[in-house]
Amino acid sequence: MPYVNIKITREGATAEQKAMLIKGVTDLLVTILDKKPATTFVVIDEVAFEDWGVGGLPVDEYRRQLASGAS
């Protein structure tokens, strides 16, 4: 029984968007792993920016650098 945990940052993902993520992942599990949809588990966790990083920087700092033109 496949279990997928999706982590997204708290940026206002709507219930409809989350439902689309769950449907998309379930479709992939059905197609790729040949699993029945009822046997799949997809969990979405919303996390704060501080819990994520890109290139060694917290997401909010990385975005500030991108906005200022720094690489």
PDB file of N, CA and C in Angstrom:
ATOM      1  N   MET A   1       0.847  -1.161   0.000  1.00  0.00           N
ATOM      2  CA  MET A   1       0.000   0.000   0.000  1.00  0.00           C
ATOM      3  C   MET A   1       0.900   1.234   0.000  1.00  0.00           C
ATOM      4  N   PRO A   2       0.942   1.992  -1.087  1.00  0.00           N
ATOM      5  CA  PRO A   2       1.796   3.168  -1.186  1.00  0.00           C
ATOM      6  C   PRO A   2       1.315   4.306  -0.287  1.00  0.00           C
ATOM      7  N   TYR A   3       2.266   5.002   0.296  1.00  0.00           N
ATOM      8  CA  TYR A   3       1.998   6.158   1.146  1.00  0.00           C
ATOM      9  C   TYR A   3       2.889   7.290   0.654  1.00  0.00           C
ATOM     10  N   VAL A   4       2.290   8.411   0.293  1.00  0.00           N
ATOM     11  CA  VAL A   4       3.045   9.568  -0.188  1.00  0.00           C
ATOM     12  C   VAL A   4       2.747  10.744   0.724  1.00  0.00           C
ATOM     13  N   ASN A   5       3.797  11.434   1.166  1.00  0.00           N
ATOM     14  CA  ASN A   5       3.641  12.610   2.007  1.00  0.00           C
ATOM     15  C   ASN A   5       4.151  13.810   1.229  1.00  0.00           C
ATOM     16  N   ILE A   6       3.251  14.743   0.922  1.00  0.00           N
ATOM     17  CA  ILE A   6       3.597  15.964   0.202  1.00  0.00           C
ATOM     18  C   ILE A   6       3.733  17.077   1.230  1.00  0.00           C
ATOM     19  N   LYS A   7       4.806  17.813   1.160  1.00  0.00           N
ATOM     20  CA  LYS A   7       4.992  18.961   2.041  1.00  0.00           C
ATOM     21  C   LYS A   7       4.945  20.225   1.183  1.00  0.00           C
ATOM     22  N   ILE A   8       4.073  21.154   1.589  1.00  0.00           N
ATOM     23  CA  ILE A   8       3.983  22.427   0.887  1.00  0.00           C
ATOM     24  C   ILE A   8       4.139  23.540   1.908  1.00  0.00           C
ATOM     25  N   THR A   9       4.663  24.676   1.460  1.00  0.00           N
ATOM     26  CA  THR A   9       4.778  25.816   2.363  1.00  0.00           C
ATOM     27  C   THR A   9       3.425  26.490   2.503  1.00  0.00           C
ATOM     28  N   ARG A  10       3.247  27.160   3.598  1.00  0.00           N
ATOM     29  CA  ARG A  10       1.972  27.821   3.907  1.00  0.00           C
ATOM     30  C   ARG A  10       1.829  29.079   3.056  1.00  0.00           C
ATOM     31  N   GLU A  11       1.365  28.920   1.853  1.00  0.00           N
ATOM     32  CA  GLU A  11       1.191  30.052   0.951  1.00  0.00           C
ATOM     33  C   GLU A  11      -0.237  30.115   0.428  1.00  0.00           C
ATOM     34  N   GLY A  12      -1.149  29.566   1.181  1.00  0.00           N
ATOM     35  CA  GLY A  12      -2.547  29.705   0.808  1.00  0.00           C
ATOM     36  C   GLY A  12      -3.024  28.738  -0.254  1.00  0.00           C
ATOM     37  N   ALA A  13      -2.534  27.515  -0.270  1.00  0.00           N
ATOM     38  CA  ALA A  13      -3.054  26.520  -1.207  1.00  0.00           C
ATOM     39  C   ALA A  13      -4.514  26.259  -0.863  1.00  0.00           C
ATOM     40  N   THR A  14      -5.364  26.316  -1.854  1.00  0.00           N
ATOM     41  CA  THR A  14      -6.791  26.120  -1.618  1.00  0.00           C
ATOM     42  C   THR A  14      -7.108  24.637  -1.465  1.00  0.00           C
ATOM     43  N   ALA A  15      -8.292  24.366  -0.940  1.00  0.00           N
ATOM     44  CA  ALA A  15      -8.744  22.975  -0.811  1.00  0.00           C
ATOM     45  C   ALA A  15      -8.813  22.315  -2.190  1.00  0.00           C
ATOM     46  N   GLU A  16      -9.208  23.072  -3.196  1.00  0.00           N
ATOM     47  CA  GLU A  16      -9.280  22.525  -4.558  1.00  0.00           C
ATOM     48  C   GLU A  16      -7.893  22.158  -5.083  1.00  0.00           C
ATOM     49  N   GLN A  17      -6.902  23.012  -4.812  1.00  0.00           N
ATOM     50  CA  GLN A  17      -5.536  22.718  -5.250  1.00  0.00           C
ATOM     51  C   GLN A  17      -4.994  21.480  -4.542  1.00  0.00           C
ATOM     52  N   LYS A  18      -5.287  21.367  -3.255  1.00  0.00           N
ATOM     53  CA  LYS A  18      -4.843  20.184  -2.517  1.00  0.00           C
ATOM     54  C   LYS A  18      -5.516  18.932  -3.059  1.00  0.00           C
ATOM     55  N   ALA A  19      -6.796  19.028  -3.384  1.00  0.00           N
ATOM     56  CA  ALA A  19      -7.502  17.882  -3.968  1.00  0.00           C
ATOM     57  C   ALA A  19      -6.885  17.488  -5.302  1.00  0.00           C
ATOM     58  N   MET A  20      -6.473  18.478  -6.098  1.00  0.00           N
ATOM     59  CA  MET A  20      -5.824  18.183  -7.382  1.00  0.00           C
ATOM     60  C   MET A  20      -4.481  17.492  -7.171  1.00  0.00           C
ATOM     61  N   LEU A  21      -3.723  17.916  -6.140  1.00  0.00           N
ATOM     62  CA  LEU A  21      -2.459  17.243  -5.823  1.00  0.00           C
ATOM     63  C   LEU A  21      -2.700  15.786  -5.460  1.00  0.00           C
ATOM     64  N   ILE A  22      -3.693  15.554  -4.612  1.00  0.00           N
ATOM     65  CA  ILE A  22      -4.005  14.185  -4.198  1.00  0.00           C
ATOM     66  C   ILE A  22      -4.418  13.344  -5.391  1.00  0.00           C
ATOM     67  N   LYS A  23      -5.274  13.904  -6.257  1.00  0.00           N
ATOM     68  CA  LYS A  23      -5.717  13.169  -7.444  1.00  0.00           C
ATOM     69  C   LYS A  23      -4.543  12.860  -8.367  1.00  0.00           C
ATOM     70  N   GLY A  24      -3.676  13.846  -8.581  1.00  0.00           N
ATOM     71  CA  GLY A  24      -2.531  13.644  -9.464  1.00  0.00           C
ATOM     72  C   GLY A  24      -1.584  12.569  -8.952  1.00  0.00           C
ATOM     73  N   VAL A  25      -1.285  12.606  -7.666  1.00  0.00           N
ATOM     74  CA  VAL A  25      -0.387  11.601  -7.086  1.00  0.00           C
ATOM     75  C   VAL A  25      -1.039  10.221  -7.137  1.00  0.00           C
ATOM     76  N   THR A  26      -2.325  10.162  -6.824  1.00  0.00           N
ATOM     77  CA  THR A  26      -3.030   8.877  -6.888  1.00  0.00           C
ATOM     78  C   THR A  26      -3.007   8.322  -8.308  1.00  0.00           C
ATOM     79  N   ASP A  27      -3.249   9.181  -9.309  1.00  0.00           N
ATOM     80  CA  ASP A  27      -3.196   8.742 -10.707  1.00  0.00           C
ATOM     81  C   ASP A  27      -1.819   8.196 -11.061  1.00  0.00           C
ATOM     82  N   LEU A  28      -0.751   8.859 -10.568  1.00  0.00           N
ATOM     83  CA  LEU A  28       0.603   8.363 -10.819  1.00  0.00           C
ATOM     84  C   LEU A  28       0.825   6.997 -10.195  1.00  0.00           C
ATOM     85  N   LEU A  29       0.355   6.817  -8.963  1.00  0.00           N
ATOM     86  CA  LEU A  29       0.517   5.525  -8.294  1.00  0.00           C
ATOM     87  C   LEU A  29      -0.238   4.426  -9.025  1.00  0.00           C
ATOM     88  N   VAL A  30      -1.403   4.746  -9.528  1.00  0.00           N
ATOM     89  CA  VAL A  30      -2.187   3.770 -10.289  1.00  0.00           C
ATOM     90  C   VAL A  30      -1.464   3.411 -11.581  1.00  0.00           C
ATOM     91  N   THR A  31      -0.969   4.439 -12.281  1.00  0.00           N
ATOM     92  CA  THR A  31      -0.317   4.231 -13.581  1.00  0.00           C
ATOM     93  C   THR A  31       1.049   3.566 -13.442  1.00  0.00           C
ATOM     94  N   ILE A  32       1.871   4.076 -12.531  1.00  0.00           N
ATOM     95  CA  ILE A  32       3.251   3.607 -12.436  1.00  0.00           C
ATOM     96  C   ILE A  32       3.383   2.325 -11.628  1.00  0.00           C
ATOM     97  N   LEU A  33       2.678   2.257 -10.497  1.00  0.00           N
ATOM     98  CA  LEU A  33       2.817   1.087  -9.624  1.00  0.00           C
ATOM     99  C   LEU A  33       1.693   0.065  -9.796  1.00  0.00           C
ATOM    100  N   ASP A  34       0.749   0.382 -10.675  1.00  0.00           N
ATOM    101  CA  ASP A  34      -0.386  -0.503 -10.934  1.00  0.00           C
ATOM    102  C   ASP A  34      -1.160  -0.809  -9.648  1.00  0.00           C
ATOM    103  N   LYS A  35      -1.377   0.243  -8.843  1.00  0.00           N
ATOM    104  CA  LYS A  35      -2.122   0.100  -7.591  1.00  0.00           C
ATOM    105  C   LYS A  35      -3.557   0.567  -7.779  1.00  0.00           C
ATOM    106  N   LYS A  36      -4.453   0.032  -6.966  1.00  0.00           N
ATOM    107  CA  LYS A  36      -5.836   0.488  -6.999  1.00  0.00           C
ATOM    108  C   LYS A  36      -5.925   1.779  -6.185  1.00  0.00           C
ATOM    109  N   PRO A  37      -6.711   2.758  -6.659  1.00  0.00           N
ATOM    110  CA  PRO A  37      -6.789   4.035  -5.945  1.00  0.00           C
ATOM    111  C   PRO A  37      -7.148   3.887  -4.470  1.00  0.00           C
ATOM    112  N   ALA A  38      -7.993   2.947  -4.138  1.00  0.00           N
ATOM    113  CA  ALA A  38      -8.426   2.784  -2.748  1.00  0.00           C
ATOM    114  C   ALA A  38      -7.318   2.279  -1.840  1.00  0.00           C
ATOM    115  N   THR A  39      -6.215   1.814  -2.411  1.00  0.00           N
ATOM    116  CA  THR A  39      -5.115   1.304  -1.584  1.00  0.00           C
ATOM    117  C   THR A  39      -4.009   2.334  -1.393  1.00  0.00           C
ATOM    118  N   THR A  40      -4.180   3.538  -1.921  1.00  0.00           N
ATOM    119  CA  THR A  40      -3.130   4.549  -1.829  1.00  0.00           C
ATOM    120  C   THR A  40      -3.456   5.573  -0.747  1.00  0.00           C
ATOM    121  N   PHE A  41      -2.411   6.089  -0.103  1.00  0.00           N
ATOM    122  CA  PHE A  41      -2.547   7.126   0.906  1.00  0.00           C
ATOM    123  C   PHE A  41      -1.708   8.320   0.483  1.00  0.00           C
ATOM    124  N   VAL A  42      -2.324   9.483   0.409  1.00  0.00           N
ATOM    125  CA  VAL A  42      -1.618  10.718   0.088  1.00  0.00           C
ATOM    126  C   VAL A  42      -1.912  11.716   1.203  1.00  0.00           C
ATOM    127  N   VAL A  43      -0.869  12.219   1.835  1.00  0.00           N
ATOM    128  CA  VAL A  43      -0.999  13.153   2.940  1.00  0.00           C
ATOM    129  C   VAL A  43      -0.316  14.452   2.550  1.00  0.00           C
ATOM    130  N   ILE A  44      -0.972  15.572   2.807  1.00  0.00           N
ATOM    131  CA  ILE A  44      -0.383  16.881   2.538  1.00  0.00           C
ATOM    132  C   ILE A  44      -0.136  17.570   3.875  1.00  0.00           C
ATOM    133  N   ASP A  45       1.115  17.957   4.103  1.00  0.00           N
ATOM    134  CA  ASP A  45       1.492  18.717   5.294  1.00  0.00           C
ATOM    135  C   ASP A  45       1.851  20.132   4.872  1.00  0.00           C
ATOM    136  N   GLU A  46       1.264  21.116   5.535  1.00  0.00           N
ATOM    137  CA  GLU A  46       1.664  22.499   5.311  1.00  0.00           C
ATOM    138  C   GLU A  46       2.704  22.857   6.356  1.00  0.00           C
ATOM    139  N   VAL A  47       3.830  23.393   5.899  1.00  0.00           N
ATOM    140  CA  VAL A  47       4.926  23.719   6.800  1.00  0.00           C
ATOM    141  C   VAL A  47       5.306  25.191   6.646  1.00  0.00           C
ATOM    142  N   ALA A  48       5.915  25.740   7.686  1.00  0.00           N
ATOM    143  CA  ALA A  48       6.372  27.123   7.652  1.00  0.00           C
ATOM    144  C   ALA A  48       7.620  27.243   6.783  1.00  0.00           C
ATOM    145  N   PHE A  49       7.874  28.451   6.289  1.00  0.00           N
ATOM    146  CA  PHE A  49       9.064  28.697   5.472  1.00  0.00           C
ATOM    147  C   PHE A  49      10.334  28.289   6.189  1.00  0.00           C
ATOM    148  N   GLU A  50      10.381  28.495   7.498  1.00  0.00           N
ATOM    149  CA  GLU A  50      11.600  28.226   8.254  1.00  0.00           C
ATOM    150  C   GLU A  50      11.999  26.755   8.208  1.00  0.00           C
ATOM    151  N   ASP A  51      11.054  25.889   7.851  1.00  0.00           N
ATOM    152  CA  ASP A  51      11.326  24.463   7.818  1.00  0.00           C
ATOM    153  C   ASP A  51      11.896  23.995   6.479  1.00  0.00           C
ATOM    154  N   TRP A  52      12.070  24.917   5.547  1.00  0.00           N
ATOM    155  CA  TRP A  52      12.525  24.539   4.210  1.00  0.00           C
ATOM    156  C   TRP A  52      13.739  25.355   3.821  1.00  0.00           C
ATOM    157  N   GLY A  53      14.499  24.831   2.896  1.00  0.00           N
ATOM    158  CA  GLY A  53      15.657  25.566   2.412  1.00  0.00           C
ATOM    159  C   GLY A  53      15.956  25.246   0.966  1.00  0.00           C
ATOM    160  N   VAL A  54      16.629  26.191   0.318  1.00  0.00           N
ATOM    161  CA  VAL A  54      17.077  26.024  -1.060  1.00  0.00           C
ATOM    162  C   VAL A  54      18.531  26.465  -1.095  1.00  0.00           C
ATOM    163  N   GLY A  55      19.410  25.596  -1.512  1.00  0.00           N
ATOM    164  CA  GLY A  55      20.824  25.949  -1.604  1.00  0.00           C
ATOM    165  C   GLY A  55      21.424  26.401  -0.283  1.00  0.00           C
ATOM    166  N   GLY A  56      20.970  25.827   0.820  1.00  0.00           N
ATOM    167  CA  GLY A  56      21.517  26.173   2.121  1.00  0.00           C
ATOM    168  C   GLY A  56      20.897  27.393   2.773  1.00  0.00           C
ATOM    169  N   LEU A  57      19.921  28.026   2.121  1.00  0.00           N
ATOM    170  CA  LEU A  57      19.261  29.200   2.674  1.00  0.00           C
ATOM    171  C   LEU A  57      17.803  28.885   2.987  1.00  0.00           C
ATOM    172  N   PRO A  58      17.254  29.516   4.035  1.00  0.00           N
ATOM    173  CA  PRO A  58      15.814  29.386   4.256  1.00  0.00           C
ATOM    174  C   PRO A  58      15.061  29.939   3.038  1.00  0.00           C
ATOM    175  N   VAL A  59      13.890  29.421   2.765  1.00  0.00           N
ATOM    176  CA  VAL A  59      13.136  29.817   1.574  1.00  0.00           C
ATOM    177  C   VAL A  59      12.907  31.319   1.518  1.00  0.00           C
ATOM    178  N   ASP A  60      12.534  31.942   2.645  1.00  0.00           N
ATOM    179  CA  ASP A  60      12.256  33.382   2.599  1.00  0.00           C
ATOM    180  C   ASP A  60      13.499  34.193   2.237  1.00  0.00           C
ATOM    181  N   GLU A  61      14.668  33.790   2.734  1.00  0.00           N
ATOM    182  CA  GLU A  61      15.907  34.479   2.383  1.00  0.00           C
ATOM    183  C   GLU A  61      16.263  34.236   0.914  1.00  0.00           C
ATOM    184  N   TYR A  62      16.090  33.031   0.449  1.00  0.00           N
ATOM    185  CA  TYR A  62      16.353  32.705  -0.953  1.00  0.00           C
ATOM    186  C   TYR A  62      15.491  33.571  -1.873  1.00  0.00           C
ATOM    187  N   ARG A  63      14.213  33.711  -1.527  1.00  0.00           N
ATOM    188  CA  ARG A  63      13.308  34.540  -2.335  1.00  0.00           C
ATOM    189  C   ARG A  63      13.707  36.011  -2.291  1.00  0.00           C
ATOM    190  N   ARG A  64      14.151  36.491  -1.132  1.00  0.00           N
ATOM    191  CA  ARG A  64      14.619  37.885  -1.046  1.00  0.00           C
ATOM    192  C   ARG A  64      15.802  38.105  -1.972  1.00  0.00           C
ATOM    193  N   GLN A  65      16.716  37.146  -1.979  1.00  0.00           N
ATOM    194  CA  GLN A  65      17.892  37.267  -2.859  1.00  0.00           C
ATOM    195  C   GLN A  65      17.476  37.230  -4.327  1.00  0.00           C
ATOM    196  N   LEU A  66      16.537  36.372  -4.672  1.00  0.00           N
ATOM    197  CA  LEU A  66      16.064  36.324  -6.058  1.00  0.00           C
ATOM    198  C   LEU A  66      15.422  37.654  -6.455  1.00  0.00           C
ATOM    199  N   ALA A  67      14.623  38.202  -5.555  1.00  0.00           N
ATOM    200  CA  ALA A  67      13.937  39.469  -5.846  1.00  0.00           C
ATOM    201  C   ALA A  67      14.917  40.617  -6.016  1.00  0.00           C
ATOM    202  N   SER A  68      16.041  40.562  -5.292  1.00  0.00           N
ATOM    203  CA  SER A  68      17.014  41.643  -5.376  1.00  0.00           C
ATOM    204  C   SER A  68      17.998  41.444  -6.525  1.00  0.00           C
ATOM    205  N   GLY A  69      17.887  40.327  -7.220  1.00  0.00           N
ATOM    206  CA  GLY A  69      18.763  40.068  -8.358  1.00  0.00           C
ATOM    207  C   GLY A  69      20.034  39.319  -8.010  1.00  0.00           C
ATOM    208  N   ALA A  70      20.235  38.980  -6.747  1.00  0.00           N
ATOM    209  CA  ALA A  70      21.426  38.220  -6.343  1.00  0.00           C
ATOM    210  C   ALA A  70      21.233  36.764  -6.724  1.00  0.00           C
ATOM    211  N   SER A  71      22.345  36.065  -6.957  1.00  0.00           N
ATOM    212  CA  SER A  71      22.236  34.646  -7.300  1.00  0.00           C
ATOM    213  C   SER A  71      22.872  33.760  -6.278  1.00  0.00           C
TER     214      SER A  71
END
